[in-house]
Structure formats: C-alpha cells, structure tokens
Amino acid sequence: MEITPEDTNELENLLTIATDQIPRYFNLINSAKQDWQIKDINEFVFGMVFEKYIHDSGQYLSNKIIDNNQPNTIESKMESYNAGIDVFTNKVPEIKRTIQEASL
C-alpha cells in the first residue's frame, strides 16, 4: 500500500489529536483518587498517547485499504502499520516534551 503525502498529513493530524489528550490523561489519573502504583506517570501517559494514536491510525489505514479496493493482506497491513509507526517515531521527542510540560 502506497502512503501518500496526504496520508502522512492525516496520520500527523491523528497524532496531534492523541497528543492534545495529554492534559486529559493527567486529569483522569489524578482525579481517580486510587492507588495506581504507577512507577513513572510520564511513561504511563506516553503509553496512553501511543495507544490512542495506534488505534486511530490503524483504523484510518484499514479504511484506506478497503476504500481503495486493495488486497487486505498481512503484508499490506504491516506496511501500513510501519508507516504509522514511522510518523509516531519522528514525533517522540516532541510528545515527551509535551508530557513533561503537562506534568509540571
């Protein structure tokens, strides 16, 4: 499956949406008033951002495969998954900085 510049832009938008949820994740954790026993809350929030992004980007890319009548094979899914991971990986320092700023 070919990832177009428009697809990359859409993946980046999905990552922005996931990153914009960081304050909400901190509020969720802090308002639960439970003993979460989280060793590193920043890494926990990073995992929440990652999970949100992977879910949304996977859905977007799966829909693209279906919409374009492309074969829905393991290879095409892995190719699209790798494209999504590349977008995320390129933004990791920025995501971690945003988490750090929100945790202060």
C-alpha atoms as a PDB file:
ATOM      1  CA  MET A   1       0.000   0.000   0.000  1.00  0.00           C
ATOM      2  CA  GLU A   2       1.402   3.359  -1.002  1.00  0.00           C
ATOM      3  CA  ILE A   3       1.349   6.043   1.669  1.00  0.00           C
ATOM      4  CA  THR A   4       0.766   9.401   0.023  1.00  0.00           C
ATOM      5  CA  PRO A   5       1.747  12.794   1.421  1.00  0.00           C
ATOM      6  CA  GLU A   6      -1.952  13.286   2.198  1.00  0.00           C
ATOM      7  CA  ASP A   7      -1.919  10.060   4.208  1.00  0.00           C
ATOM      8  CA  THR A   8       1.151  11.203   6.124  1.00  0.00           C
ATOM      9  CA  ASN A   9      -0.578  14.508   6.820  1.00  0.00           C
ATOM     10  CA  GLU A  10      -3.671  12.675   8.093  1.00  0.00           C
ATOM     11  CA  LEU A  11      -1.518  10.442  10.319  1.00  0.00           C
ATOM     12  CA  GLU A  12       0.175  13.534  11.726  1.00  0.00           C
ATOM     13  CA  ASN A  13      -3.254  15.052  12.414  1.00  0.00           C
ATOM     14  CA  LEU A  14      -4.283  11.879  14.253  1.00  0.00           C
ATOM     15  CA  LEU A  15      -1.104  12.085  16.313  1.00  0.00           C
ATOM     16  CA  THR A  16      -1.863  15.723  17.152  1.00  0.00           C
ATOM     17  CA  ILE A  17      -5.310  14.667  18.351  1.00  0.00           C
ATOM     18  CA  ALA A  18      -3.778  11.957  20.545  1.00  0.00           C
ATOM     19  CA  THR A  19      -1.173  14.380  21.910  1.00  0.00           C
ATOM     20  CA  ASP A  20      -3.820  17.005  22.654  1.00  0.00           C
ATOM     21  CA  GLN A  21      -5.349  14.494  25.082  1.00  0.00           C
ATOM     22  CA  ILE A  22      -2.300  14.617  27.404  1.00  0.00           C
ATOM     23  CA  PRO A  23      -3.839  17.043  29.937  1.00  0.00           C
ATOM     24  CA  ARG A  24      -6.991  14.919  29.972  1.00  0.00           C
ATOM     25  CA  TYR A  25      -4.944  11.796  30.717  1.00  0.00           C
ATOM     26  CA  PHE A  26      -3.258  13.511  33.674  1.00  0.00           C
ATOM     27  CA  ASN A  27      -6.645  14.692  34.952  1.00  0.00           C
ATOM     28  CA  LEU A  28      -8.055  11.191  34.607  1.00  0.00           C
ATOM     29  CA  ILE A  29      -5.215   9.655  36.578  1.00  0.00           C
ATOM     30  CA  ASN A  30      -5.169  12.369  39.244  1.00  0.00           C
ATOM     31  CA  SER A  31      -8.939  12.505  39.706  1.00  0.00           C
ATOM     32  CA  ALA A  32      -9.386   8.756  40.143  1.00  0.00           C
ATOM     33  CA  LYS A  33      -8.082   9.002  43.732  1.00  0.00           C
ATOM     34  CA  GLN A  34      -6.945   5.418  43.574  1.00  0.00           C
ATOM     35  CA  ASP A  35      -3.601   3.935  44.393  1.00  0.00           C
ATOM     36  CA  TRP A  36      -2.486   3.345  40.820  1.00  0.00           C
ATOM     37  CA  GLN A  37       1.070   2.401  41.844  1.00  0.00           C
ATOM     38  CA  ILE A  38       2.432   3.870  38.641  1.00  0.00           C
ATOM     39  CA  LYS A  39       6.219   3.987  38.761  1.00  0.00           C
ATOM     40  CA  ASP A  40       6.574   6.663  36.068  1.00  0.00           C
ATOM     41  CA  ILE A  41       3.429   8.642  35.329  1.00  0.00           C
ATOM     42  CA  ASN A  42       5.019  10.317  32.292  1.00  0.00           C
ATOM     43  CA  GLU A  43       5.745   6.959  30.675  1.00  0.00           C
ATOM     44  CA  PHE A  44       2.215   5.845  31.547  1.00  0.00           C
ATOM     45  CA  VAL A  45       0.753   8.887  29.758  1.00  0.00           C
ATOM     46  CA  PHE A  46       3.135   8.283  26.836  1.00  0.00           C
ATOM     47  CA  GLY A  47       1.669   4.790  26.565  1.00  0.00           C
ATOM     48  CA  MET A  48      -1.843   6.228  26.556  1.00  0.00           C
ATOM     49  CA  VAL A  49      -0.929   8.609  23.718  1.00  0.00           C
ATOM     50  CA  PHE A  50       0.679   5.738  21.809  1.00  0.00           C
ATOM     51  CA  GLU A  51      -2.366   3.503  22.250  1.00  0.00           C
ATOM     52  CA  LYS A  52      -4.764   6.241  21.100  1.00  0.00           C
ATOM     53  CA  TYR A  53      -2.634   7.002  18.055  1.00  0.00           C
ATOM     54  CA  ILE A  54      -2.151   3.351  17.085  1.00  0.00           C
ATOM     55  CA  HIS A  55      -5.886   2.724  17.342  1.00  0.00           C
ATOM     56  CA  ASP A  56      -6.861   5.764  15.281  1.00  0.00           C
ATOM     57  CA  SER A  57      -4.111   5.460  12.679  1.00  0.00           C
ATOM     58  CA  GLY A  58      -4.763   1.734  12.280  1.00  0.00           C
ATOM     59  CA  GLN A  59      -8.441   2.424  11.681  1.00  0.00           C
ATOM     60  CA  TYR A  60      -7.625   5.146   9.156  1.00  0.00           C
ATOM     61  CA  LEU A  61      -5.186   2.948   7.243  1.00  0.00           C
ATOM     62  CA  SER A  62      -7.511  -0.081   7.295  1.00  0.00           C
ATOM     63  CA  ASN A  63     -10.303   2.076   5.895  1.00  0.00           C
ATOM     64  CA  LYS A  64      -7.951   3.329   3.173  1.00  0.00           C
ATOM     65  CA  ILE A  65      -7.206  -0.252   2.135  1.00  0.00           C
ATOM     66  CA  ILE A  66     -10.927  -1.019   1.959  1.00  0.00           C
ATOM     67  CA  ASP A  67     -11.854   2.240   0.208  1.00  0.00           C
ATOM     68  CA  ASN A  68      -9.203   1.699  -2.471  1.00  0.00           C
ATOM     69  CA  ASN A  69     -10.222  -1.937  -3.016  1.00  0.00           C
ATOM     70  CA  GLN A  70      -6.689  -3.040  -2.237  1.00  0.00           C
ATOM     71  CA  PRO A  71      -5.933  -6.564  -1.103  1.00  0.00           C
ATOM     72  CA  ASN A  72      -6.350  -6.828   2.649  1.00  0.00           C
ATOM     73  CA  THR A  73      -3.312  -8.988   3.335  1.00  0.00           C
ATOM     74  CA  ILE A  74      -0.927  -9.296   6.242  1.00  0.00           C
ATOM     75  CA  GLU A  75       1.726  -7.626   4.104  1.00  0.00           C
ATOM     76  CA  SER A  76      -0.444  -4.589   3.322  1.00  0.00           C
ATOM     77  CA  LYS A  77      -1.469  -4.260   6.967  1.00  0.00           C
ATOM     78  CA  MET A  78       2.151  -4.476   8.143  1.00  0.00           C
ATOM     79  CA  GLU A  79       3.233  -1.939   5.528  1.00  0.00           C
ATOM     80  CA  SER A  80       0.570   0.486   6.685  1.00  0.00           C
ATOM     81  CA  TYR A  81       1.361  -0.217  10.347  1.00  0.00           C
ATOM     82  CA  ASN A  82       5.032   0.568   9.700  1.00  0.00           C
ATOM     83  CA  ALA A  83       4.088   3.853   8.024  1.00  0.00           C
ATOM     84  CA  GLY A  84       2.051   4.784  11.085  1.00  0.00           C
ATOM     85  CA  ILE A  85       4.889   3.878  13.418  1.00  0.00           C
ATOM     86  CA  ASP A  86       7.315   5.998  11.374  1.00  0.00           C
ATOM     87  CA  VAL A  87       5.112   9.075  11.842  1.00  0.00           C
ATOM     88  CA  PHE A  88       4.913   8.411  15.590  1.00  0.00           C
ATOM     89  CA  THR A  89       8.645   7.750  15.943  1.00  0.00           C
ATOM     90  CA  ASN A  90       9.519  11.032  14.265  1.00  0.00           C
ATOM     91  CA  LYS A  91       7.487  12.908  16.898  1.00  0.00           C
ATOM     92  CA  VAL A  92       8.597  11.071  20.069  1.00  0.00           C
ATOM     93  CA  PRO A  93      10.823  13.878  21.419  1.00  0.00           C
ATOM     94  CA  GLU A  94       8.035  16.413  20.890  1.00  0.00           C
ATOM     95  CA  ILE A  95       5.477  14.122  22.563  1.00  0.00           C
ATOM     96  CA  LYS A  96       7.752  13.544  25.556  1.00  0.00           C
ATOM     97  CA  ARG A  97       8.381  17.284  25.895  1.00  0.00           C
ATOM     98  CA  THR A  98       4.624  17.940  25.837  1.00  0.00           C
ATOM     99  CA  ILE A  99       4.090  15.300  28.525  1.00  0.00           C
ATOM    100  CA  GLN A 100       6.863  16.767  30.662  1.00  0.00           C
ATOM    101  CA  GLU A 101       5.364  20.255  30.376  1.00  0.00           C
ATOM    102  CA  ALA A 102       1.883  18.970  31.286  1.00  0.00           C
ATOM    103  CA  SER A 103       3.187  17.130  34.349  1.00  0.00           C
ATOM    104  CA  LEU A 104       4.588  20.247  35.992  1.00  0.00           C
END
